[in-house]
Amino acid sequence: MSRPVAVLCAACRPEIVCTALKVSLTVGVVLNGVNQGGVLLDGGAIDWGRGLLNFLVPYCVSSYSAALNATRECGRNTR
């Protein structure tokens, strides 16, 4: 199995998905507060695209990092 496929498979493991979702929710709420807090407090329109990215980016970073670490650990254990 090639390395990108192995990382993608690892990123889909339930424990990695669950942890990445928790990180995404926590960091996403904070980022939305920082990036759109003024607009929300003033009653302005929410930028849904930026709001989505505030959650998507932390999810991708967390799941990629955990999956990469999992594939490295698997490689060490098979040697």
PDB file of N, CA and C in Angstrom:
ATOM      1  N   MET A   1       0.844  -1.175   0.000  1.00  0.00           N
ATOM      2  CA  MET A   1       0.000   0.000   0.000  1.00  0.00           C
ATOM      3  C   MET A   1       0.891   1.241   0.000  1.00  0.00           C
ATOM      4  N   SER A   2       0.555   2.204  -0.839  1.00  0.00           N
ATOM      5  CA  SER A   2       1.370   3.415  -0.904  1.00  0.00           C
ATOM      6  C   SER A   2       1.134   4.271   0.340  1.00  0.00           C
ATOM      7  N   ARG A   3       2.090   5.124   0.632  1.00  0.00           N
ATOM      8  CA  ARG A   3       2.015   5.954   1.839  1.00  0.00           C
ATOM      9  C   ARG A   3       0.782   6.864   1.861  1.00  0.00           C
ATOM     10  N   PRO A   4       0.447   7.583   0.756  1.00  0.00           N
ATOM     11  CA  PRO A   4      -0.756   8.428   0.806  1.00  0.00           C
ATOM     12  C   PRO A   4      -2.035   7.626   1.080  1.00  0.00           C
ATOM     13  N   VAL A   5      -2.131   6.438   0.503  1.00  0.00           N
ATOM     14  CA  VAL A   5      -3.310   5.602   0.738  1.00  0.00           C
ATOM     15  C   VAL A   5      -3.335   5.141   2.193  1.00  0.00           C
ATOM     16  N   ALA A   6      -2.201   4.781   2.740  1.00  0.00           N
ATOM     17  CA  ALA A   6      -2.126   4.346   4.137  1.00  0.00           C
ATOM     18  C   ALA A   6      -2.526   5.476   5.086  1.00  0.00           C
ATOM     19  N   VAL A   7      -2.081   6.695   4.788  1.00  0.00           N
ATOM     20  CA  VAL A   7      -2.439   7.851   5.627  1.00  0.00           C
ATOM     21  C   VAL A   7      -3.935   8.116   5.530  1.00  0.00           C
ATOM     22  N   LEU A   8      -4.494   8.041   4.325  1.00  0.00           N
ATOM     23  CA  LEU A   8      -5.926   8.262   4.136  1.00  0.00           C
ATOM     24  C   LEU A   8      -6.744   7.198   4.881  1.00  0.00           C
ATOM     25  N   CYS A   9      -6.329   5.954   4.786  1.00  0.00           N
ATOM     26  CA  CYS A   9      -7.028   4.880   5.515  1.00  0.00           C
ATOM     27  C   CYS A   9      -6.955   5.105   7.018  1.00  0.00           C
ATOM     28  N   ALA A  10      -5.793   5.507   7.499  1.00  0.00           N
ATOM     29  CA  ALA A  10      -5.639   5.768   8.935  1.00  0.00           C
ATOM     30  C   ALA A  10      -6.504   6.954   9.363  1.00  0.00           C
ATOM     31  N   ALA A  11      -6.619   7.972   8.522  1.00  0.00           N
ATOM     32  CA  ALA A  11      -7.416   9.154   8.853  1.00  0.00           C
ATOM     33  C   ALA A  11      -8.900   8.832   8.974  1.00  0.00           C
ATOM     34  N   CYS A  12      -9.323   7.726   8.392  1.00  0.00           N
ATOM     35  CA  CYS A  12     -10.733   7.320   8.446  1.00  0.00           C
ATOM     36  C   CYS A  12     -11.039   6.402   9.623  1.00  0.00           C
ATOM     37  N   ARG A  13     -10.022   6.084  10.413  1.00  0.00           N
ATOM     38  CA  ARG A  13     -10.255   5.228  11.585  1.00  0.00           C
ATOM     39  C   ARG A  13     -11.138   5.978  12.587  1.00  0.00           C
ATOM     40  N   PRO A  14     -12.091   5.286  13.195  1.00  0.00           N
ATOM     41  CA  PRO A  14     -13.052   5.957  14.083  1.00  0.00           C
ATOM     42  C   PRO A  14     -12.419   6.770  15.216  1.00  0.00           C
ATOM     43  N   GLU A  15     -11.348   6.263  15.810  1.00  0.00           N
ATOM     44  CA  GLU A  15     -10.743   7.004  16.922  1.00  0.00           C
ATOM     45  C   GLU A  15     -10.087   8.295  16.449  1.00  0.00           C
ATOM     46  N   ILE A  16      -9.541   8.293  15.249  1.00  0.00           N
ATOM     47  CA  ILE A  16      -8.931   9.510  14.700  1.00  0.00           C
ATOM     48  C   ILE A  16     -10.015  10.498  14.299  1.00  0.00           C
ATOM     49  N   VAL A  17     -11.082  10.018  13.682  1.00  0.00           N
ATOM     50  CA  VAL A  17     -12.193  10.890  13.291  1.00  0.00           C
ATOM     51  C   VAL A  17     -12.816  11.537  14.530  1.00  0.00           C
ATOM     52  N   CYS A  18     -13.038  10.755  15.567  1.00  0.00           N
ATOM     53  CA  CYS A  18     -13.648  11.270  16.795  1.00  0.00           C
ATOM     54  C   CYS A  18     -12.787  12.359  17.439  1.00  0.00           C
ATOM     55  N   THR A  19     -11.507  12.099  17.545  1.00  0.00           N
ATOM     56  CA  THR A  19     -10.599  13.088  18.129  1.00  0.00           C
ATOM     57  C   THR A  19     -10.513  14.341  17.271  1.00  0.00           C
ATOM     58  N   ALA A  20     -10.439  14.170  15.959  1.00  0.00           N
ATOM     59  CA  ALA A  20     -10.365  15.321  15.056  1.00  0.00           C
ATOM     60  C   ALA A  20     -11.635  16.166  15.134  1.00  0.00           C
ATOM     61  N   LEU A  21     -12.785  15.522  15.293  1.00  0.00           N
ATOM     62  CA  LEU A  21     -14.040  16.275  15.433  1.00  0.00           C
ATOM     63  C   LEU A  21     -14.049  17.102  16.718  1.00  0.00           C
ATOM     64  N   LYS A  22     -13.543  16.527  17.800  1.00  0.00           N
ATOM     65  CA  LYS A  22     -13.476  17.264  19.070  1.00  0.00           C
ATOM     66  C   LYS A  22     -12.556  18.471  18.946  1.00  0.00           C
ATOM     67  N   VAL A  23     -11.398  18.261  18.329  1.00  0.00           N
ATOM     68  CA  VAL A  23     -10.455  19.367  18.122  1.00  0.00           C
ATOM     69  C   VAL A  23     -11.082  20.431  17.233  1.00  0.00           C
ATOM     70  N   SER A  24     -11.734  19.995  16.164  1.00  0.00           N
ATOM     71  CA  SER A  24     -12.349  20.912  15.218  1.00  0.00           C
ATOM     72  C   SER A  24     -13.433  21.763  15.885  1.00  0.00           C
ATOM     73  N   LEU A  25     -14.255  21.156  16.707  1.00  0.00           N
ATOM     74  CA  LEU A  25     -15.308  21.913  17.379  1.00  0.00           C
ATOM     75  C   LEU A  25     -14.737  22.937  18.348  1.00  0.00           C
ATOM     76  N   THR A  26     -13.738  22.528  19.106  1.00  0.00           N
ATOM     77  CA  THR A  26     -13.127  23.437  20.075  1.00  0.00           C
ATOM     78  C   THR A  26     -12.424  24.591  19.384  1.00  0.00           C
ATOM     79  N   VAL A  27     -11.531  24.266  18.460  1.00  0.00           N
ATOM     80  CA  VAL A  27     -10.751  25.300  17.768  1.00  0.00           C
ATOM     81  C   VAL A  27     -11.652  26.126  16.854  1.00  0.00           C
ATOM     82  N   GLY A  28     -12.620  25.495  16.210  1.00  0.00           N
ATOM     83  CA  GLY A  28     -13.521  26.206  15.311  1.00  0.00           C
ATOM     84  C   GLY A  28     -14.343  27.267  16.016  1.00  0.00           C
ATOM     85  N   VAL A  29     -14.832  26.954  17.207  1.00  0.00           N
ATOM     86  CA  VAL A  29     -15.593  27.938  17.982  1.00  0.00           C
ATOM     87  C   VAL A  29     -14.711  29.135  18.334  1.00  0.00           C
ATOM     88  N   VAL A  30     -13.496  28.857  18.765  1.00  0.00           N
ATOM     89  CA  VAL A  30     -12.568  29.945  19.114  1.00  0.00           C
ATOM     90  C   VAL A  30     -12.245  30.780  17.875  1.00  0.00           C
ATOM     91  N   LEU A  31     -11.939  30.128  16.755  1.00  0.00           N
ATOM     92  CA  LEU A  31     -11.628  30.870  15.532  1.00  0.00           C
ATOM     93  C   LEU A  31     -12.810  31.693  15.049  1.00  0.00           C
ATOM     94  N   ASN A  32     -14.012  31.145  15.133  1.00  0.00           N
ATOM     95  CA  ASN A  32     -15.189  31.921  14.740  1.00  0.00           C
ATOM     96  C   ASN A  32     -15.363  33.139  15.629  1.00  0.00           C
ATOM     97  N   GLY A  33     -15.111  32.972  16.911  1.00  0.00           N
ATOM     98  CA  GLY A  33     -15.184  34.113  17.822  1.00  0.00           C
ATOM     99  C   GLY A  33     -14.174  35.187  17.472  1.00  0.00           C
ATOM    100  N   VAL A  34     -12.971  34.771  17.138  1.00  0.00           N
ATOM    101  CA  VAL A  34     -11.924  35.725  16.772  1.00  0.00           C
ATOM    102  C   VAL A  34     -12.219  36.366  15.421  1.00  0.00           C
ATOM    103  N   ASN A  35     -12.581  35.563  14.441  1.00  0.00           N
ATOM    104  CA  ASN A  35     -12.743  36.067  13.078  1.00  0.00           C
ATOM    105  C   ASN A  35     -14.062  36.772  12.821  1.00  0.00           C
ATOM    106  N   GLN A  36     -15.127  36.367  13.501  1.00  0.00           N
ATOM    107  CA  GLN A  36     -16.432  36.949  13.209  1.00  0.00           C
ATOM    108  C   GLN A  36     -17.139  37.483  14.452  1.00  0.00           C
ATOM    109  N   GLY A  37     -16.418  37.561  15.554  1.00  0.00           N
ATOM    110  CA  GLY A  37     -17.032  38.014  16.796  1.00  0.00           C
ATOM    111  C   GLY A  37     -17.633  39.394  16.710  1.00  0.00           C
ATOM    112  N   GLY A  38     -16.909  40.320  16.108  1.00  0.00           N
ATOM    113  CA  GLY A  38     -17.413  41.689  15.973  1.00  0.00           C
ATOM    114  C   GLY A  38     -18.677  41.753  15.140  1.00  0.00           C
ATOM    115  N   VAL A  39     -18.692  41.022  14.054  1.00  0.00           N
ATOM    116  CA  VAL A  39     -19.862  40.996  13.176  1.00  0.00           C
ATOM    117  C   VAL A  39     -21.056  40.390  13.911  1.00  0.00           C
ATOM    118  N   LEU A  40     -20.812  39.310  14.637  1.00  0.00           N
ATOM    119  CA  LEU A  40     -21.898  38.657  15.374  1.00  0.00           C
ATOM    120  C   LEU A  40     -22.461  39.563  16.472  1.00  0.00           C
ATOM    121  N   LEU A  41     -21.577  40.260  17.165  1.00  0.00           N
ATOM    122  CA  LEU A  41     -22.032  41.164  18.231  1.00  0.00           C
ATOM    123  C   LEU A  41     -22.779  42.368  17.683  1.00  0.00           C
ATOM    124  N   ASP A  42     -22.419  42.814  16.482  1.00  0.00           N
ATOM    125  CA  ASP A  42     -23.092  43.953  15.859  1.00  0.00           C
ATOM    126  C   ASP A  42     -24.368  43.550  15.130  1.00  0.00           C
ATOM    127  N   GLY A  43     -24.659  42.261  15.092  1.00  0.00           N
ATOM    128  CA  GLY A  43     -25.871  41.794  14.426  1.00  0.00           C
ATOM    129  C   GLY A  43     -25.732  41.728  12.913  1.00  0.00           C
ATOM    130  N   GLY A  44     -24.516  41.688  12.411  1.00  0.00           N
ATOM    131  CA  GLY A  44     -24.274  41.623  10.969  1.00  0.00           C
ATOM    132  C   GLY A  44     -24.456  40.217  10.426  1.00  0.00           C
ATOM    133  N   ALA A  45     -24.280  40.123   9.132  1.00  0.00           N
ATOM    134  CA  ALA A  45     -24.424  38.841   8.444  1.00  0.00           C
ATOM    135  C   ALA A  45     -23.192  37.970   8.676  1.00  0.00           C
ATOM    136  N   ILE A  46     -23.447  36.698   8.875  1.00  0.00           N
ATOM    137  CA  ILE A  46     -22.366  35.735   9.090  1.00  0.00           C
ATOM    138  C   ILE A  46     -21.801  35.322   7.736  1.00  0.00           C
ATOM    139  N   ASP A  47     -20.491  35.252   7.659  1.00  0.00           N
ATOM    140  CA  ASP A  47     -19.830  34.742   6.454  1.00  0.00           C
ATOM    141  C   ASP A  47     -19.721  33.229   6.617  1.00  0.00           C
ATOM    142  N   TRP A  48     -20.657  32.487   5.993  1.00  0.00           N
ATOM    143  CA  TRP A  48     -20.742  31.049   6.183  1.00  0.00           C
ATOM    144  C   TRP A  48     -19.534  30.315   5.608  1.00  0.00           C
ATOM    145  N   GLY A  49     -18.951  30.835   4.548  1.00  0.00           N
ATOM    146  CA  GLY A  49     -17.763  30.209   3.973  1.00  0.00           C
ATOM    147  C   GLY A  49     -16.596  30.221   4.941  1.00  0.00           C
ATOM    148  N   ARG A  50     -16.349  31.376   5.534  1.00  0.00           N
ATOM    149  CA  ARG A  50     -15.281  31.472   6.533  1.00  0.00           C
ATOM    150  C   ARG A  50     -15.605  30.657   7.773  1.00  0.00           C
ATOM    151  N   GLY A  51     -16.866  30.656   8.138  1.00  0.00           N
ATOM    152  CA  GLY A  51     -17.275  29.860   9.296  1.00  0.00           C
ATOM    153  C   GLY A  51     -17.003  28.381   9.086  1.00  0.00           C
ATOM    154  N   LEU A  52     -17.310  27.894   7.904  1.00  0.00           N
ATOM    155  CA  LEU A  52     -17.049  26.497   7.580  1.00  0.00           C
ATOM    156  C   LEU A  52     -15.548  26.202   7.604  1.00  0.00           C
ATOM    157  N   LEU A  53     -14.762  27.094   7.036  1.00  0.00           N
ATOM    158  CA  LEU A  53     -13.309  26.896   7.034  1.00  0.00           C
ATOM    159  C   LEU A  53     -12.720  26.917   8.441  1.00  0.00           C
ATOM    160  N   ASN A  54     -13.324  27.692   9.331  1.00  0.00           N
ATOM    161  CA  ASN A  54     -12.849  27.734  10.718  1.00  0.00           C
ATOM    162  C   ASN A  54     -12.963  26.378  11.401  1.00  0.00           C
ATOM    163  N   PHE A  55     -13.846  25.520  10.916  1.00  0.00           N
ATOM    164  CA  PHE A  55     -13.985  24.174  11.459  1.00  0.00           C
ATOM    165  C   PHE A  55     -13.265  23.140  10.597  1.00  0.00           C
ATOM    166  N   LEU A  56     -13.275  23.342   9.296  1.00  0.00           N
ATOM    167  CA  LEU A  56     -12.691  22.364   8.378  1.00  0.00           C
ATOM    168  C   LEU A  56     -11.165  22.293   8.495  1.00  0.00           C
ATOM    169  N   VAL A  57     -10.514  23.428   8.579  1.00  0.00           N
ATOM    170  CA  VAL A  57      -9.044  23.449   8.645  1.00  0.00           C
ATOM    171  C   VAL A  57      -8.523  22.741   9.898  1.00  0.00           C
ATOM    172  N   PRO A  58      -9.036  23.028  11.091  1.00  0.00           N
ATOM    173  CA  PRO A  58      -8.547  22.279  12.263  1.00  0.00           C
ATOM    174  C   PRO A  58      -8.829  20.782  12.169  1.00  0.00           C
ATOM    175  N   TYR A  59      -9.963  20.404  11.561  1.00  0.00           N
ATOM    176  CA  TYR A  59     -10.265  18.978  11.395  1.00  0.00           C
ATOM    177  C   TYR A  59      -9.213  18.319  10.504  1.00  0.00           C
ATOM    178  N   CYS A  60      -8.915  18.954   9.373  1.00  0.00           N
ATOM    179  CA  CYS A  60      -7.939  18.388   8.433  1.00  0.00           C
ATOM    180  C   CYS A  60      -6.553  18.293   9.060  1.00  0.00           C
ATOM    181  N   VAL A  61      -6.136  19.332   9.755  1.00  0.00           N
ATOM    182  CA  VAL A  61      -4.814  19.325  10.388  1.00  0.00           C
ATOM    183  C   VAL A  61      -4.734  18.243  11.457  1.00  0.00           C
ATOM    184  N   SER A  62      -5.754  18.145  12.289  1.00  0.00           N
ATOM    185  CA  SER A  62      -5.744  17.156  13.367  1.00  0.00           C
ATOM    186  C   SER A  62      -5.776  15.727  12.826  1.00  0.00           C
ATOM    187  N   SER A  63      -6.653  15.464  11.860  1.00  0.00           N
ATOM    188  CA  SER A  63      -6.753  14.099  11.339  1.00  0.00           C
ATOM    189  C   SER A  63      -5.508  13.714  10.547  1.00  0.00           C
ATOM    190  N   TYR A  64      -4.943  14.651   9.782  1.00  0.00           N
ATOM    191  CA  TYR A  64      -3.730  14.345   9.025  1.00  0.00           C
ATOM    192  C   TYR A  64      -2.570  14.051   9.969  1.00  0.00           C
ATOM    193  N   SER A  65      -2.426  14.863  10.988  1.00  0.00           N
ATOM    194  CA  SER A  65      -1.330  14.675  11.939  1.00  0.00           C
ATOM    195  C   SER A  65      -1.450  13.337  12.661  1.00  0.00           C
ATOM    196  N   ALA A  66      -2.644  13.011  13.114  1.00  0.00           N
ATOM    197  CA  ALA A  66      -2.848  11.738  13.819  1.00  0.00           C
ATOM    198  C   ALA A  66      -2.647  10.548  12.880  1.00  0.00           C
ATOM    199  N   ALA A  67      -3.128  10.661  11.652  1.00  0.00           N
ATOM    200  CA  ALA A  67      -2.976   9.562  10.690  1.00  0.00           C
ATOM    201  C   ALA A  67      -1.514   9.364  10.316  1.00  0.00           C
ATOM    202  N   LEU A  68      -0.793  10.438  10.122  1.00  0.00           N
ATOM    203  CA  LEU A  68       0.628  10.339   9.796  1.00  0.00           C
ATOM    204  C   LEU A  68       1.385   9.688  10.943  1.00  0.00           C
ATOM    205  N   ASN A  69       1.065  10.085  12.153  1.00  0.00           N
ATOM    206  CA  ASN A  69       1.693   9.487  13.325  1.00  0.00           C
ATOM    207  C   ASN A  69       1.358   7.998  13.422  1.00  0.00           C
ATOM    208  N   ALA A  70       0.116   7.631  13.151  1.00  0.00           N
ATOM    209  CA  ALA A  70      -0.299   6.225  13.214  1.00  0.00           C
ATOM    210  C   ALA A  70       0.431   5.389  12.169  1.00  0.00           C
ATOM    211  N   THR A  71       0.614   5.916  10.963  1.00  0.00           N
ATOM    212  CA  THR A  71       1.313   5.140   9.936  1.00  0.00           C
ATOM    213  C   THR A  71       2.798   5.029  10.255  1.00  0.00           C
ATOM    214  N   ARG A  72       3.366   6.037  10.877  1.00  0.00           N
ATOM    215  CA  ARG A  72       4.777   5.953  11.282  1.00  0.00           C
ATOM    216  C   ARG A  72       4.954   4.909  12.369  1.00  0.00           C
ATOM    217  N   GLU A  73       4.040   4.890  13.340  1.00  0.00           N
ATOM    218  CA  GLU A  73       4.111   3.896  14.406  1.00  0.00           C
ATOM    219  C   GLU A  73       3.951   2.486  13.840  1.00  0.00           C
ATOM    220  N   CYS A  74       3.057   2.334  12.880  1.00  0.00           N
ATOM    221  CA  CYS A  74       2.841   1.021  12.255  1.00  0.00           C
ATOM    222  C   CYS A  74       4.118   0.580  11.524  1.00  0.00           C
ATOM    223  N   GLY A  75       4.782   1.511  10.868  1.00  0.00           N
ATOM    224  CA  GLY A  75       6.024   1.197  10.160  1.00  0.00           C
ATOM    225  C   GLY A  75       7.131   0.787  11.101  1.00  0.00           C
ATOM    226  N   ARG A  76       7.181   1.410  12.267  1.00  0.00           N
ATOM    227  CA  ARG A  76       8.195   1.053  13.267  1.00  0.00           C
ATOM    228  C   ARG A  76       7.933  -0.319  13.858  1.00  0.00           C
ATOM    229  N   ASN A  77       6.672  -0.662  14.005  1.00  0.00           N
ATOM    230  CA  ASN A  77       6.326  -1.952  14.620  1.00  0.00           C
ATOM    231  C   ASN A  77       6.524  -3.127  13.683  1.00  0.00           C
ATOM    232  N   THR A  78       6.566  -2.875  12.368  1.00  0.00           N
ATOM    233  CA  THR A  78       6.715  -3.982  11.410  1.00  0.00           C
ATOM    234  C   THR A  78       8.167  -4.258  11.080  1.00  0.00           C
ATOM    235  N   ARG A  79       9.072  -3.441  11.551  1.00  0.00           N
ATOM    236  CA  ARG A  79      10.492  -3.645  11.263  1.00  0.00           C
ATOM    237  C   ARG A  79      11.148  -4.558  12.245  1.00  0.00           C
TER     238      ARG A  79
END
